[in-house]
PDB file of N, CA and C in Angstrom:
ATOM      1  N   MET A   1      57.817 -19.967 -66.520  1.00  0.00           N
ATOM      2  CA  MET A   1      58.606 -20.294 -65.932  1.00  0.00           C
ATOM      3  C   MET A   1      60.110 -19.793 -65.743  1.00  0.00           C
ATOM      4  N   ARG A   2      60.349 -19.884 -64.460  1.00  0.00           N
ATOM      5  CA  ARG A   2      61.985 -19.740 -64.194  1.00  0.00           C
ATOM      6  C   ARG A   2      62.972 -20.530 -64.816  1.00  0.00           C
ATOM      7  N   ASP A   3      63.754 -20.708 -65.763  1.00  0.00           N
ATOM      8  CA  ASP A   3      64.823 -21.536 -66.003  1.00  0.00           C
ATOM      9  C   ASP A   3      65.548 -22.626 -65.197  1.00  0.00           C
ATOM     10  N   ASP A   4      65.097 -22.363 -63.546  1.00  0.00           N
ATOM     11  CA  ASP A   4      66.271 -22.976 -62.842  1.00  0.00           C
ATOM     12  C   ASP A   4      65.049 -23.666 -61.830  1.00  0.00           C
ATOM     13  N   THR A   5      63.961 -23.502 -62.202  1.00  0.00           N
ATOM     14  CA  THR A   5      62.698 -24.079 -61.146  1.00  0.00           C
ATOM     15  C   THR A   5      61.776 -24.930 -62.210  1.00  0.00           C
ATOM     16  N   THR A   6      61.440 -26.134 -61.319  1.00  0.00           N
ATOM     17  CA  THR A   6      60.221 -26.549 -62.249  1.00  0.00           C
ATOM     18  C   THR A   6      59.421 -26.349 -61.879  1.00  0.00           C
ATOM     19  N   GLU A   7      58.074 -26.243 -62.673  1.00  0.00           N
ATOM     20  CA  GLU A   7      56.645 -25.552 -62.513  1.00  0.00           C
ATOM     21  C   GLU A   7      55.992 -26.784 -61.140  1.00  0.00           C
ATOM     22  N   ASP A   8      56.318 -28.025 -61.206  1.00  0.00           N
ATOM     23  CA  ASP A   8      56.147 -28.622 -59.851  1.00  0.00           C
ATOM     24  C   ASP A   8      56.569 -27.973 -58.837  1.00  0.00           C
ATOM     25  N   MET A   9      57.843 -27.631 -58.657  1.00  0.00           N
ATOM     26  CA  MET A   9      58.448 -26.724 -57.278  1.00  0.00           C
ATOM     27  C   MET A   9      57.700 -25.284 -57.396  1.00  0.00           C
ATOM     28  N   LEU A  10      57.602 -24.735 -58.580  1.00  0.00           N
ATOM     29  CA  LEU A  10      56.949 -23.461 -58.120  1.00  0.00           C
ATOM     30  C   LEU A  10      55.578 -23.602 -57.650  1.00  0.00           C
ATOM     31  N   ALA A  11      54.683 -24.764 -57.858  1.00  0.00           N
ATOM     32  CA  ALA A  11      53.349 -24.747 -57.374  1.00  0.00           C
ATOM     33  C   ALA A  11      53.808 -25.424 -55.903  1.00  0.00           C
ATOM     34  N   ALA A  12      54.505 -26.095 -55.628  1.00  0.00           N
ATOM     35  CA  ALA A  12      54.796 -26.588 -54.017  1.00  0.00           C
ATOM     36  C   ALA A  12      55.229 -24.789 -53.211  1.00  0.00           C
ATOM     37  N   GLN A  13      55.620 -24.237 -54.209  1.00  0.00           N
ATOM     38  CA  GLN A  13      56.408 -23.071 -53.086  1.00  0.00           C
ATOM     39  C   GLN A  13      55.306 -22.631 -53.192  1.00  0.00           C
ATOM     40  N   ARG A  14      54.065 -21.911 -53.974  1.00  0.00           N
ATOM     41  CA  ARG A  14      53.053 -21.278 -54.205  1.00  0.00           C
ATOM     42  C   ARG A  14      52.018 -22.076 -53.223  1.00  0.00           C
ATOM     43  N   ARG A  15      51.754 -23.155 -52.678  1.00  0.00           N
ATOM     44  CA  ARG A  15      51.114 -23.464 -51.689  1.00  0.00           C
ATOM     45  C   ARG A  15      51.305 -23.793 -50.056  1.00  0.00           C
ATOM     46  N   ILE A  16      52.983 -23.223 -50.504  1.00  0.00           N
ATOM     47  CA  ILE A  16      53.305 -23.273 -48.921  1.00  0.00           C
ATOM     48  C   ILE A  16      53.242 -22.082 -48.641  1.00  0.00           C
ATOM     49  N   LEU A  17      53.397 -20.584 -49.144  1.00  0.00           N
ATOM     50  CA  LEU A  17      53.412 -19.923 -49.120  1.00  0.00           C
ATOM     51  C   LEU A  17      51.757 -19.225 -48.910  1.00  0.00           C
ATOM     52  N   HIS A  18      50.838 -20.188 -49.657  1.00  0.00           N
ATOM     53  CA  HIS A  18      49.667 -19.604 -49.676  1.00  0.00           C
ATOM     54  C   HIS A  18      49.290 -20.131 -47.793  1.00  0.00           C
ATOM     55  N   ARG A  19      49.884 -21.621 -47.437  1.00  0.00           N
ATOM     56  CA  ARG A  19      49.915 -21.881 -46.206  1.00  0.00           C
ATOM     57  C   ARG A  19      49.730 -21.193 -45.263  1.00  0.00           C
ATOM     58  N   ILE A  20      50.795 -20.505 -45.625  1.00  0.00           N
ATOM     59  CA  ILE A  20      51.876 -19.436 -43.778  1.00  0.00           C
ATOM     60  C   ILE A  20      50.844 -18.341 -44.121  1.00  0.00           C
ATOM     61  N   GLY A  21      50.314 -18.133 -44.826  1.00  0.00           N
ATOM     62  CA  GLY A  21      49.673 -17.052 -45.306  1.00  0.00           C
ATOM     63  C   GLY A  21      50.062 -15.601 -45.097  1.00  0.00           C
ATOM     64  N   PRO A  22      48.679 -14.373 -44.934  1.00  0.00           N
ATOM     65  CA  PRO A  22      49.629 -13.272 -44.962  1.00  0.00           C
ATOM     66  C   PRO A  22      50.617 -12.985 -43.905  1.00  0.00           C
ATOM     67  N   ALA A  23      50.193 -13.473 -42.672  1.00  0.00           N
ATOM     68  CA  ALA A  23      51.284 -12.575 -41.352  1.00  0.00           C
ATOM     69  C   ALA A  23      52.695 -13.371 -41.395  1.00  0.00           C
ATOM     70  N   GLY A  24      52.494 -15.027 -41.849  1.00  0.00           N
ATOM     71  CA  GLY A  24      53.526 -15.633 -42.136  1.00  0.00           C
ATOM     72  C   GLY A  24      54.769 -14.989 -43.141  1.00  0.00           C
ATOM     73  N   ARG A  25      54.031 -14.936 -44.421  1.00  0.00           N
ATOM     74  CA  ARG A  25      54.977 -14.079 -45.320  1.00  0.00           C
ATOM     75  C   ARG A  25      55.306 -12.817 -44.664  1.00  0.00           C
ATOM     76  N   LEU A  26      54.610 -11.889 -43.982  1.00  0.00           N
ATOM     77  CA  LEU A  26      55.197 -10.786 -43.707  1.00  0.00           C
ATOM     78  C   LEU A  26      56.517 -10.746 -42.485  1.00  0.00           C
ATOM     79  N   ALA A  27      56.009 -12.018 -41.834  1.00  0.00           N
ATOM     80  CA  ALA A  27      57.370 -12.511 -41.051  1.00  0.00           C
ATOM     81  C   ALA A  27      58.556 -12.875 -41.569  1.00  0.00           C
ATOM     82  N   MET A  28      58.618 -13.203 -42.831  1.00  0.00           N
ATOM     83  CA  MET A  28      59.391 -13.650 -43.394  1.00  0.00           C
ATOM     84  C   MET A  28      60.333 -12.231 -44.408  1.00  0.00           C
ATOM     85  N   VAL A  29      59.952 -11.731 -44.267  1.00  0.00           N
ATOM     86  CA  VAL A  29      59.981 -10.842 -45.039  1.00  0.00           C
ATOM     87  C   VAL A  29      60.972  -9.624 -44.109  1.00  0.00           C
ATOM     88  N   PHE A  30      60.350  -9.800 -42.535  1.00  0.00           N
ATOM     89  CA  PHE A  30      61.037  -8.892 -41.510  1.00  0.00           C
ATOM     90  C   PHE A  30      62.457  -9.763 -41.118  1.00  0.00           C
ATOM     91  N   GLU A  31      61.977 -11.021 -41.695  1.00  0.00           N
ATOM     92  CA  GLU A  31      63.098 -12.068 -40.954  1.00  0.00           C
ATOM     93  C   GLU A  31      64.502 -11.634 -42.043  1.00  0.00           C
ATOM     94  N   LEU A  32      64.077 -11.689 -43.266  1.00  0.00           N
ATOM     95  CA  LEU A  32      64.787 -11.204 -44.646  1.00  0.00           C
ATOM     96  C   LEU A  32      65.929  -9.860 -44.291  1.00  0.00           C
ATOM     97  N   SER A  33      64.745  -9.089 -43.748  1.00  0.00           N
ATOM     98  CA  SER A  33      65.113  -7.669 -43.801  1.00  0.00           C
ATOM     99  C   SER A  33      66.585  -7.546 -42.419  1.00  0.00           C
ATOM    100  N   ASP A  34      65.958  -8.487 -41.235  1.00  0.00           N
ATOM    101  CA  ASP A  34      67.155  -8.288 -40.009  1.00  0.00           C
ATOM    102  C   ASP A  34      68.223  -8.962 -41.189  1.00  0.00           C
ATOM    103  N   ASN A  35      68.361 -10.064 -41.626  1.00  0.00           N
ATOM    104  CA  ASN A  35      69.852 -10.690 -42.084  1.00  0.00           C
ATOM    105  C   ASN A  35      70.004  -9.882 -43.198  1.00  0.00           C
ATOM    106  N   LEU A  36      69.700  -9.450 -43.738  1.00  0.00           N
ATOM    107  CA  LEU A  36      70.171  -8.450 -44.950  1.00  0.00           C
ATOM    108  C   LEU A  36      71.141  -7.263 -43.544  1.00  0.00           C
ATOM    109  N   ARG A  37      70.375  -6.644 -43.066  1.00  0.00           N
ATOM    110  CA  ARG A  37      71.160  -5.583 -42.091  1.00  0.00           C
ATOM    111  C   ARG A  37      72.247  -6.223 -41.564  1.00  0.00           C
ATOM    112  N   LEU A  38      72.052  -7.246 -41.121  1.00  0.00           N
ATOM    113  CA  LEU A  38      73.071  -7.766 -40.437  1.00  0.00           C
ATOM    114  C   LEU A  38      74.173  -8.306 -41.157  1.00  0.00           C
ATOM    115  N   LEU A  39      73.800  -8.891 -42.449  1.00  0.00           N
ATOM    116  CA  LEU A  39      75.179  -9.255 -43.502  1.00  0.00           C
ATOM    117  C   LEU A  39      75.970  -7.697 -43.695  1.00  0.00           C
ATOM    118  N   ALA A  40      75.457  -7.060 -44.187  1.00  0.00           N
ATOM    119  CA  ALA A  40      75.845  -5.702 -44.179  1.00  0.00           C
ATOM    120  C   ALA A  40      76.501  -4.773 -43.380  1.00  0.00           C
ATOM    121  N   ALA A  41      75.745  -5.024 -41.953  1.00  0.00           N
ATOM    122  CA  ALA A  41      76.798  -4.579 -40.657  1.00  0.00           C
ATOM    123  C   ALA A  41      78.330  -5.173 -40.947  1.00  0.00           C
ATOM    124  N   ALA A  42      78.116  -6.849 -41.143  1.00  0.00           N
ATOM    125  CA  ALA A  42      79.392  -7.373 -40.940  1.00  0.00           C
ATOM    126  C   ALA A  42      79.948  -7.366 -41.854  1.00  0.00           C
ATOM    127  N   GLY A  43      80.062  -6.822 -43.399  1.00  0.00           N
ATOM    128  CA  GLY A  43      80.908  -6.280 -44.076  1.00  0.00           C
ATOM    129  C   GLY A  43      81.367  -5.042 -44.123  1.00  0.00           C
ATOM    130  N   VAL A  44      80.506  -3.929 -43.334  1.00  0.00           N
ATOM    131  CA  VAL A  44      80.998  -2.506 -42.956  1.00  0.00           C
ATOM    132  C   VAL A  44      82.079  -2.934 -42.170  1.00  0.00           C
ATOM    133  N   ARG A  45      81.761  -3.601 -40.884  1.00  0.00           N
ATOM    134  CA  ARG A  45      83.078  -4.329 -39.804  1.00  0.00           C
ATOM    135  C   ARG A  45      84.036  -4.634 -40.330  1.00  0.00           C
ATOM    136  N   HIS A  46      83.784  -5.562 -41.366  1.00  0.00           N
ATOM    137  CA  HIS A  46      85.277  -6.183 -41.826  1.00  0.00           C
ATOM    138  C   HIS A  46      86.047  -5.048 -42.836  1.00  0.00           C
ATOM    139  N   ARG A  47      85.148  -4.181 -42.994  1.00  0.00           N
ATOM    140  CA  ARG A  47      86.076  -3.827 -43.647  1.00  0.00           C
ATOM    141  C   ARG A  47      86.657  -1.983 -43.130  1.00  0.00           C
ATOM    142  N   HIS A  48      86.125  -1.670 -42.197  1.00  0.00           N
ATOM    143  CA  HIS A  48      86.642  -1.000 -41.065  1.00  0.00           C
ATOM    144  C   HIS A  48      86.627  -1.207 -39.594  1.00  0.00           C
ATOM    145  N   PRO A  49      87.282  -2.231 -39.142  1.00  0.00           N
ATOM    146  CA  PRO A  49      87.424  -2.495 -38.074  1.00  0.00           C
ATOM    147  C   PRO A  49      87.643  -1.767 -36.737  1.00  0.00           C
ATOM    148  N   GLN A  50      87.812  -0.665 -36.997  1.00  0.00           N
ATOM    149  CA  GLN A  50      87.957   0.589 -36.038  1.00  0.00           C
ATOM    150  C   GLN A  50      86.923   0.914 -35.765  1.00  0.00           C
ATOM    151  N   TRP A  51      85.702   1.031 -36.616  1.00  0.00           N
ATOM    152  CA  TRP A  51      84.716   1.776 -36.208  1.00  0.00           C
ATOM    153  C   TRP A  51      84.088   1.338 -35.120  1.00  0.00           C
ATOM    154  N   SER A  52      83.496   2.058 -34.511  1.00  0.00           N
ATOM    155  CA  SER A  52      82.115   2.328 -33.369  1.00  0.00           C
ATOM    156  C   SER A  52      80.925   1.114 -33.778  1.00  0.00           C
ATOM    157  N   ASP A  53      80.151   0.436 -32.643  1.00  0.00           N
ATOM    158  CA  ASP A  53      78.873   0.045 -33.312  1.00  0.00           C
ATOM    159  C   ASP A  53      78.117   0.729 -33.856  1.00  0.00           C
ATOM    160  N   ARG A  54      78.002   2.369 -33.503  1.00  0.00           N
ATOM    161  CA  ARG A  54      77.296   3.151 -33.973  1.00  0.00           C
ATOM    162  C   ARG A  54      77.636   4.109 -34.968  1.00  0.00           C
ATOM    163  N   VAL A  55      78.707   3.936 -35.493  1.00  0.00           N
ATOM    164  CA  VAL A  55      79.181   4.616 -36.837  1.00  0.00           C
ATOM    165  C   VAL A  55      78.869   3.445 -37.592  1.00  0.00           C
ATOM    166  N   VAL A  56      78.834   1.988 -37.373  1.00  0.00           N
ATOM    167  CA  VAL A  56      78.778   1.264 -38.180  1.00  0.00           C
ATOM    168  C   VAL A  56      77.034   1.093 -38.449  1.00  0.00           C
ATOM    169  N   GLU A  57      76.531   1.170 -37.928  1.00  0.00           N
ATOM    170  CA  GLU A  57      74.819   1.614 -37.530  1.00  0.00           C
ATOM    171  C   GLU A  57      74.324   2.396 -38.729  1.00  0.00           C
ATOM    172  N   ARG A  58      74.986   3.905 -38.396  1.00  0.00           N
ATOM    173  CA  ARG A  58      74.912   4.701 -39.619  1.00  0.00           C
ATOM    174  C   ARG A  58      75.542   4.165 -40.806  1.00  0.00           C
ATOM    175  N   GLU A  59      76.356   3.752 -40.925  1.00  0.00           N
ATOM    176  CA  GLU A  59      76.718   3.226 -42.321  1.00  0.00           C
ATOM    177  C   GLU A  59      76.166   2.409 -42.946  1.00  0.00           C
ATOM    178  N   VAL A  60      75.621   1.430 -42.280  1.00  0.00           N
ATOM    179  CA  VAL A  60      74.564   0.555 -43.074  1.00  0.00           C
ATOM    180  C   VAL A  60      73.321   1.513 -43.363  1.00  0.00           C
ATOM    181  N   VAL A  61      72.382   2.058 -42.114  1.00  0.00           N
ATOM    182  CA  VAL A  61      71.666   3.133 -42.822  1.00  0.00           C
ATOM    183  C   VAL A  61      72.201   3.550 -44.184  1.00  0.00           C
ATOM    184  N   ARG A  62      72.880   4.067 -44.429  1.00  0.00           N
ATOM    185  CA  ARG A  62      73.435   4.850 -45.811  1.00  0.00           C
ATOM    186  C   ARG A  62      73.409   3.937 -46.962  1.00  0.00           C
ATOM    187  N   LEU A  63      73.613   3.064 -46.401  1.00  0.00           N
ATOM    188  CA  LEU A  63      74.088   1.853 -47.527  1.00  0.00           C
ATOM    189  C   LEU A  63      72.496   1.741 -48.090  1.00  0.00           C
ATOM    190  N   MET A  64      71.516   1.232 -46.999  1.00  0.00           N
ATOM    191  CA  MET A  64      70.427   0.990 -47.065  1.00  0.00           C
ATOM    192  C   MET A  64      69.801   2.099 -47.999  1.00  0.00           C
ATOM    193  N   ILE A  65      69.730   3.402 -47.657  1.00  0.00           N
ATOM    194  CA  ILE A  65      68.527   4.542 -48.267  1.00  0.00           C
ATOM    195  C   ILE A  65      69.534   5.105 -49.285  1.00  0.00           C
ATOM    196  N   GLY A  66      70.636   5.216 -49.664  1.00  0.00           N
ATOM    197  CA  GLY A  66      71.902   5.482 -50.678  1.00  0.00           C
ATOM    198  C   GLY A  66      71.981   7.676 -49.969  1.00  0.00           C
ATOM    199  N   ASP A  67      73.284   7.962 -50.169  1.00  0.00           N
ATOM    200  CA  ASP A  67      73.382   9.343 -49.950  1.00  0.00           C
ATOM    201  C   ASP A  67      72.596  10.210 -49.624  1.00  0.00           C
ATOM    202  N   ASP A  68      71.775  10.434 -50.969  1.00  0.00           N
ATOM    203  CA  ASP A  68      70.822  11.617 -50.930  1.00  0.00           C
ATOM    204  C   ASP A  68      70.126  11.328 -49.936  1.00  0.00           C
ATOM    205  N   LEU A  69      69.670  10.450 -49.573  1.00  0.00           N
ATOM    206  CA  LEU A  69      68.074  10.211 -48.341  1.00  0.00           C
ATOM    207  C   LEU A  69      68.902  10.426 -46.784  1.00  0.00           C
ATOM    208  N   PHE A  70      69.894   9.681 -46.881  1.00  0.00           N
ATOM    209  CA  PHE A  70      71.042   9.887 -45.791  1.00  0.00           C
ATOM    210  C   PHE A  70      71.133  11.494 -45.150  1.00  0.00           C
ATOM    211  N   ARG A  71      71.805  12.027 -46.183  1.00  0.00           N
ATOM    212  CA  ARG A  71      72.136  13.256 -45.945  1.00  0.00           C
ATOM    213  C   ARG A  71      70.732  14.134 -45.336  1.00  0.00           C
ATOM    214  N   GLN A  72      69.874  13.622 -46.018  1.00  0.00           N
ATOM    215  CA  GLN A  72      68.892  14.473 -45.565  1.00  0.00           C
ATOM    216  C   GLN A  72      68.217  14.599 -44.033  1.00  0.00           C
ATOM    217  N   ALA A  73      68.361  13.241 -43.921  1.00  0.00           N
ATOM    218  CA  ALA A  73      67.771  12.490 -42.619  1.00  0.00           C
ATOM    219  C   ALA A  73      68.748  13.024 -41.698  1.00  0.00           C
ATOM    220  N   TYR A  74      69.931  12.702 -41.529  1.00  0.00           N
ATOM    221  CA  TYR A  74      71.326  13.318 -41.051  1.00  0.00           C
ATOM    222  C   TYR A  74      72.006  14.115 -40.925  1.00  0.00           C
ATOM    223  N   GLY A  75      71.720  15.074 -42.261  1.00  0.00           N
ATOM    224  CA  GLY A  75      72.168  16.517 -42.712  1.00  0.00           C
ATOM    225  C   GLY A  75      73.741  16.722 -42.378  1.00  0.00           C
ATOM    226  N   LYS A  76      74.203  15.576 -42.528  1.00  0.00           N
ATOM    227  CA  LYS A  76      76.001  15.490 -42.738  1.00  0.00           C
ATOM    228  C   LYS A  76      76.631  14.776 -43.864  1.00  0.00           C
ATOM    229  N   GLU A  77      77.472  14.682 -44.199  1.00  0.00           N
ATOM    230  CA  GLU A  77      78.232  13.442 -45.265  1.00  0.00           C
ATOM    231  C   GLU A  77      78.138  12.700 -44.441  1.00  0.00           C
ATOM    232  N   PRO A  78      77.908  11.211 -45.914  1.00  0.00           N
ATOM    233  CA  PRO A  78      78.360   9.758 -45.129  1.00  0.00           C
ATOM    234  C   PRO A  78      79.742   9.251 -44.516  1.00  0.00           C
ATOM    235  N   ALA A  79      80.358  10.229 -45.116  1.00  0.00           N
ATOM    236  CA  ALA A  79      81.790   9.862 -44.343  1.00  0.00           C
ATOM    237  C   ALA A  79      81.965   9.508 -42.949  1.00  0.00           C
ATOM    238  N   ALA A  80      81.985   8.237 -42.886  1.00  0.00           N
ATOM    239  CA  ALA A  80      82.360   7.757 -41.121  1.00  0.00           C
ATOM    240  C   ALA A  80      83.838   8.397 -40.807  1.00  0.00           C
ATOM    241  N   THR A  81      83.891   8.270 -39.403  1.00  0.00           N
ATOM    242  CA  THR A  81      85.169   8.618 -38.902  1.00  0.00           C
ATOM    243  C   THR A  81      85.278   7.449 -37.869  1.00  0.00           C
TER     244      THR A  81
END
């Protein structure tokens, strides 16, 4: 048991997740992923308000996949201008 969640609440969560089924759970995963990208983009825009939308999108990708994979995919240093 998690320290901050009772057994009753864990059971309720399991029932709900079971009831929504695999498709519903997958939809939740995609929604969480979209929200994470939006949050990351907002943070990048806050730190770099002068950057274009394209540069912000590339920086979000870099943050998600890391510098090494970013360089392999884009063939450039991650530094944005």
